[in-house]
Structure formats: structure tokens, C-alpha cells
Amino acid sequence: MNNTGAPQELRLDKWLWAARFFKTRQLAIAAINGGKVQVDGQRAKPSRSVRPGSRLEIHKDSLSWTIEVLAINRQRRPASEAALLYAEDEASRLKRQELVRERRELGIGSRPQDGRPTKRDRRMIRRFTDGTD
């Protein structure tokens, strides 16, 4: 710790949770153990310390981020404050935005194909099987 009281390093799993990359610390730990998070180009453990200047590569679902840690915060704060904890590479941001745009255009993930029928679907099924309008 420095003389201002701000922490200089923090566990990787806590930082990912505080920066809002994962909803819970357990999800962050699972991603780290699964090799989805690298620190300075190396596979890491959840207890690895990160400090300002550390470079992280985060892969979550089909998205990926390449970021540099700018600050440490032990508490999970609103998303607007969490975004100040890191800086994303321009190439990483453009690639991720392009992927999101492509998925949106293709309609991937817009509506689940399986599962229970909606209320509208049930009405249509009833009309079809009963033969009534």
C-alpha cells in the first residue's frame, strides 16, 4: 500500500469481479482455472496479484478483451466507475464490436430455439389442435 491508502495490487479473481467482467468471484475463478484469462501473456491462478500496468487477455463466451490495468479497487462499484479501472486496446475493442455487430445481423442469440412455447405459441397450438379460431 502506498501512503494514500489505495491498494497497489489485488488478487486476479477479485479484480475481475470488481471490474465487472464476471458477475461473481466464483465465475471469475472458473474462467481463470479454465485458461480463459492470461496475465502478461501467461496462464494465471486466481490468487495471482495484478497491479496497475498488468496486461490481461480475457476470453468470455465468443468475446475477448485485451486490456491494461489502470487502477485497483477492492469494492465492486457501478459500471461507470468499473470502466475506469482498465484501458482496452483499440484493436481489441474494434474486433469485439465487429463480432457483436455480425451476431446481431445474423440474429444469433436473439431468441432461444428450444424450450417452452410462448403464450402466443400455445394459443396457436390450441387453435390448430381444437380447430377453432
C-alpha atoms as a PDB file:
ATOM      1  CA  MET A   1       0.000   0.000   0.000  1.00  0.00           C
ATOM      2  CA  ASN A   2       1.138   3.498  -0.645  1.00  0.00           C
ATOM      3  CA  ASN A   3       0.756   6.471   1.677  1.00  0.00           C
ATOM      4  CA  THR A   4      -2.620   7.488   0.179  1.00  0.00           C
ATOM      5  CA  GLY A   5      -4.212   4.245   1.400  1.00  0.00           C
ATOM      6  CA  ALA A   6      -5.069   2.968  -2.071  1.00  0.00           C
ATOM      7  CA  PRO A   7      -4.073  -0.662  -2.649  1.00  0.00           C
ATOM      8  CA  GLN A   8      -1.309  -1.273  -5.194  1.00  0.00           C
ATOM      9  CA  GLU A   9      -2.181  -4.893  -6.013  1.00  0.00           C
ATOM     10  CA  LEU A  10      -5.145  -7.221  -5.744  1.00  0.00           C
ATOM     11  CA  ARG A  11      -5.961 -10.869  -6.417  1.00  0.00           C
ATOM     12  CA  LEU A  12      -6.864 -11.506 -10.054  1.00  0.00           C
ATOM     13  CA  ASP A  13     -10.272 -13.027  -9.283  1.00  0.00           C
ATOM     14  CA  LYS A  14     -11.239 -10.072  -7.073  1.00  0.00           C
ATOM     15  CA  TRP A  15     -10.092  -7.550  -9.667  1.00  0.00           C
ATOM     16  CA  LEU A  16     -12.070  -9.230 -12.472  1.00  0.00           C
ATOM     17  CA  TRP A  17     -15.156  -9.205 -10.247  1.00  0.00           C
ATOM     18  CA  ALA A  18     -14.648  -5.562  -9.206  1.00  0.00           C
ATOM     19  CA  ALA A  19     -14.080  -4.523 -12.851  1.00  0.00           C
ATOM     20  CA  ARG A  20     -17.384  -6.256 -13.744  1.00  0.00           C
ATOM     21  CA  PHE A  21     -16.018  -8.775 -16.220  1.00  0.00           C
ATOM     22  CA  PHE A  22     -17.745 -11.527 -14.217  1.00  0.00           C
ATOM     23  CA  LYS A  23     -20.893 -11.372 -12.131  1.00  0.00           C
ATOM     24  CA  THR A  24     -19.449 -13.395  -9.248  1.00  0.00           C
ATOM     25  CA  ARG A  25     -15.985 -14.260  -7.991  1.00  0.00           C
ATOM     26  CA  GLN A  26     -16.781 -17.932  -8.493  1.00  0.00           C
ATOM     27  CA  LEU A  27     -17.379 -17.339 -12.215  1.00  0.00           C
ATOM     28  CA  ALA A  28     -14.105 -15.430 -12.382  1.00  0.00           C
ATOM     29  CA  ILE A  29     -12.272 -18.290 -10.646  1.00  0.00           C
ATOM     30  CA  ALA A  30     -13.800 -20.841 -13.044  1.00  0.00           C
ATOM     31  CA  ALA A  31     -12.705 -18.773 -16.056  1.00  0.00           C
ATOM     32  CA  ILE A  32      -9.170 -18.343 -14.686  1.00  0.00           C
ATOM     33  CA  ASN A  33      -8.835 -22.063 -13.908  1.00  0.00           C
ATOM     34  CA  GLY A  34     -10.185 -22.854 -17.376  1.00  0.00           C
ATOM     35  CA  GLY A  35      -7.391 -20.864 -19.017  1.00  0.00           C
ATOM     36  CA  LYS A  36      -9.688 -18.077 -20.227  1.00  0.00           C
ATOM     37  CA  VAL A  37      -7.649 -15.334 -18.513  1.00  0.00           C
ATOM     38  CA  GLN A  38      -3.961 -14.621 -19.063  1.00  0.00           C
ATOM     39  CA  VAL A  39      -1.803 -12.111 -17.208  1.00  0.00           C
ATOM     40  CA  ASP A  40       1.142 -10.642 -19.101  1.00  0.00           C
ATOM     41  CA  GLY A  41       0.866 -13.444 -21.679  1.00  0.00           C
ATOM     42  CA  GLN A  42       0.965 -16.273 -19.124  1.00  0.00           C
ATOM     43  CA  ARG A  43      -1.708 -18.509 -17.692  1.00  0.00           C
ATOM     44  CA  ALA A  44      -2.539 -17.436 -14.153  1.00  0.00           C
ATOM     45  CA  LYS A  45      -4.106 -18.692 -10.945  1.00  0.00           C
ATOM     46  CA  PRO A  46      -6.947 -16.865  -9.152  1.00  0.00           C
ATOM     47  CA  SER A  47      -4.583 -15.743  -6.392  1.00  0.00           C
ATOM     48  CA  ARG A  48      -2.158 -14.074  -8.803  1.00  0.00           C
ATOM     49  CA  SER A  49      -1.660 -10.406  -7.963  1.00  0.00           C
ATOM     50  CA  VAL A  50      -2.435  -7.768 -10.548  1.00  0.00           C
ATOM     51  CA  ARG A  51      -1.234  -4.194 -10.299  1.00  0.00           C
ATOM     52  CA  PRO A  52      -1.500  -1.114 -12.483  1.00  0.00           C
ATOM     53  CA  GLY A  53       0.341  -1.809 -15.717  1.00  0.00           C
ATOM     54  CA  SER A  54      -0.529  -5.509 -15.872  1.00  0.00           C
ATOM     55  CA  ARG A  55      -1.849  -6.672 -19.258  1.00  0.00           C
ATOM     56  CA  LEU A  56      -4.771  -9.097 -19.270  1.00  0.00           C
ATOM     57  CA  GLU A  57      -6.331 -11.178 -22.010  1.00  0.00           C
ATOM     58  CA  ILE A  58      -9.880 -12.214 -21.126  1.00  0.00           C
ATOM     59  CA  HIS A  59     -11.979 -14.656 -23.166  1.00  0.00           C
ATOM     60  CA  LYS A  60     -15.647 -14.939 -22.241  1.00  0.00           C
ATOM     61  CA  ASP A  61     -18.056 -16.845 -24.488  1.00  0.00           C
ATOM     62  CA  SER A  62     -17.119 -15.739 -28.011  1.00  0.00           C
ATOM     63  CA  LEU A  63     -15.877 -12.301 -26.917  1.00  0.00           C
ATOM     64  CA  SER A  64     -12.345 -11.345 -25.932  1.00  0.00           C
ATOM     65  CA  TRP A  65     -10.688  -8.316 -24.375  1.00  0.00           C
ATOM     66  CA  THR A  66      -7.055  -7.237 -24.295  1.00  0.00           C
ATOM     67  CA  ILE A  67      -6.729  -4.690 -21.528  1.00  0.00           C
ATOM     68  CA  GLU A  68      -4.235  -2.906 -19.327  1.00  0.00           C
ATOM     69  CA  VAL A  69      -4.972  -2.495 -15.632  1.00  0.00           C
ATOM     70  CA  LEU A  70      -5.044   1.200 -14.718  1.00  0.00           C
ATOM     71  CA  ALA A  71      -6.278   1.089 -11.138  1.00  0.00           C
ATOM     72  CA  ILE A  72      -7.187  -1.227  -8.292  1.00  0.00           C
ATOM     73  CA  ASN A  73     -10.477  -1.160  -6.417  1.00  0.00           C
ATOM     74  CA  ARG A  74     -11.361  -3.703  -3.745  1.00  0.00           C
ATOM     75  CA  GLN A  75     -15.096  -2.982  -3.932  1.00  0.00           C
ATOM     76  CA  ARG A  76     -17.483  -3.656  -6.784  1.00  0.00           C
ATOM     77  CA  ARG A  77     -18.703  -0.247  -7.899  1.00  0.00           C
ATOM     78  CA  PRO A  78     -21.134   0.874 -10.645  1.00  0.00           C
ATOM     79  CA  ALA A  79     -20.207   0.034 -14.236  1.00  0.00           C
ATOM     80  CA  SER A  80     -19.268   3.631 -14.985  1.00  0.00           C
ATOM     81  CA  GLU A  81     -16.637   3.521 -12.222  1.00  0.00           C
ATOM     82  CA  ALA A  82     -15.523  -0.025 -13.070  1.00  0.00           C
ATOM     83  CA  ALA A  83     -14.701   1.068 -16.632  1.00  0.00           C
ATOM     84  CA  LEU A  84     -12.095   3.452 -15.190  1.00  0.00           C
ATOM     85  CA  LEU A  85     -10.103   0.514 -13.772  1.00  0.00           C
ATOM     86  CA  TYR A  86      -8.779  -0.561 -17.189  1.00  0.00           C
ATOM     87  CA  ALA A  87      -7.995   0.592 -20.723  1.00  0.00           C
ATOM     88  CA  GLU A  88      -8.825  -1.659 -23.654  1.00  0.00           C
ATOM     89  CA  ASP A  89      -6.592  -1.884 -26.729  1.00  0.00           C
ATOM     90  CA  GLU A  90      -8.128  -0.230 -29.785  1.00  0.00           C
ATOM     91  CA  ALA A  91      -7.727  -3.370 -31.925  1.00  0.00           C
ATOM     92  CA  SER A  92      -9.425  -5.488 -29.263  1.00  0.00           C
ATOM     93  CA  ARG A  93     -12.346  -3.069 -28.991  1.00  0.00           C
ATOM     94  CA  LEU A  94     -12.870  -2.891 -32.772  1.00  0.00           C
ATOM     95  CA  LYS A  95     -12.699  -6.675 -33.150  1.00  0.00           C
ATOM     96  CA  ARG A  96     -15.233  -7.206 -30.338  1.00  0.00           C
ATOM     97  CA  GLN A  97     -17.625  -4.569 -31.732  1.00  0.00           C
ATOM     98  CA  GLU A  98     -17.418  -6.165 -35.187  1.00  0.00           C
ATOM     99  CA  LEU A  99     -18.225  -9.583 -33.742  1.00  0.00           C
ATOM    100  CA  VAL A 100     -21.198  -8.190 -31.811  1.00  0.00           C
ATOM    101  CA  ARG A 101     -22.462  -6.441 -34.954  1.00  0.00           C
ATOM    102  CA  GLU A 102     -22.192  -9.660 -37.002  1.00  0.00           C
ATOM    103  CA  ARG A 103     -24.040 -11.660 -34.353  1.00  0.00           C
ATOM    104  CA  ARG A 104     -26.782  -9.024 -34.234  1.00  0.00           C
ATOM    105  CA  GLU A 105     -27.194  -9.094 -38.020  1.00  0.00           C
ATOM    106  CA  LEU A 106     -27.367 -12.886 -38.089  1.00  0.00           C
ATOM    107  CA  GLY A 107     -29.812 -12.918 -35.188  1.00  0.00           C
ATOM    108  CA  ILE A 108     -27.652 -15.228 -33.111  1.00  0.00           C
ATOM    109  CA  GLY A 109     -28.846 -15.355 -29.532  1.00  0.00           C
ATOM    110  CA  SER A 110     -31.908 -13.230 -30.191  1.00  0.00           C
ATOM    111  CA  ARG A 111     -34.479 -15.901 -29.348  1.00  0.00           C
ATOM    112  CA  PRO A 112     -33.931 -19.371 -27.955  1.00  0.00           C
ATOM    113  CA  GLN A 113     -34.989 -22.077 -30.399  1.00  0.00           C
ATOM    114  CA  ASP A 114     -35.783 -24.688 -27.753  1.00  0.00           C
ATOM    115  CA  GLY A 115     -37.679 -24.531 -24.511  1.00  0.00           C
ATOM    116  CA  ARG A 116     -41.231 -23.844 -23.566  1.00  0.00           C
ATOM    117  CA  PRO A 117     -43.657 -22.325 -26.054  1.00  0.00           C
ATOM    118  CA  THR A 118     -44.637 -18.723 -25.504  1.00  0.00           C
ATOM    119  CA  LYS A 119     -48.184 -17.665 -24.727  1.00  0.00           C
ATOM    120  CA  ARG A 120     -48.679 -16.826 -28.399  1.00  0.00           C
ATOM    121  CA  ASP A 121     -47.316 -20.231 -29.428  1.00  0.00           C
ATOM    122  CA  ARG A 122     -49.683 -22.003 -27.016  1.00  0.00           C
ATOM    123  CA  ARG A 123     -52.671 -20.142 -28.453  1.00  0.00           C
ATOM    124  CA  MET A 124     -51.663 -21.119 -31.973  1.00  0.00           C
ATOM    125  CA  ILE A 125     -51.217 -24.763 -30.926  1.00  0.00           C
ATOM    126  CA  ARG A 126     -54.657 -24.771 -29.263  1.00  0.00           C
ATOM    127  CA  ARG A 127     -56.267 -23.282 -32.365  1.00  0.00           C
ATOM    128  CA  PHE A 128     -54.590 -25.875 -34.551  1.00  0.00           C
ATOM    129  CA  THR A 129     -55.471 -28.902 -32.383  1.00  0.00           C
ATOM    130  CA  ASP A 130     -59.030 -27.776 -31.481  1.00  0.00           C
ATOM    131  CA  GLY A 131     -59.809 -26.482 -34.957  1.00  0.00           C
ATOM    132  CA  THR A 132     -61.292 -23.276 -33.542  1.00  0.00           C
ATOM    133  CA  ASP A 133     -60.451 -19.668 -34.241  1.00  0.00           C
END
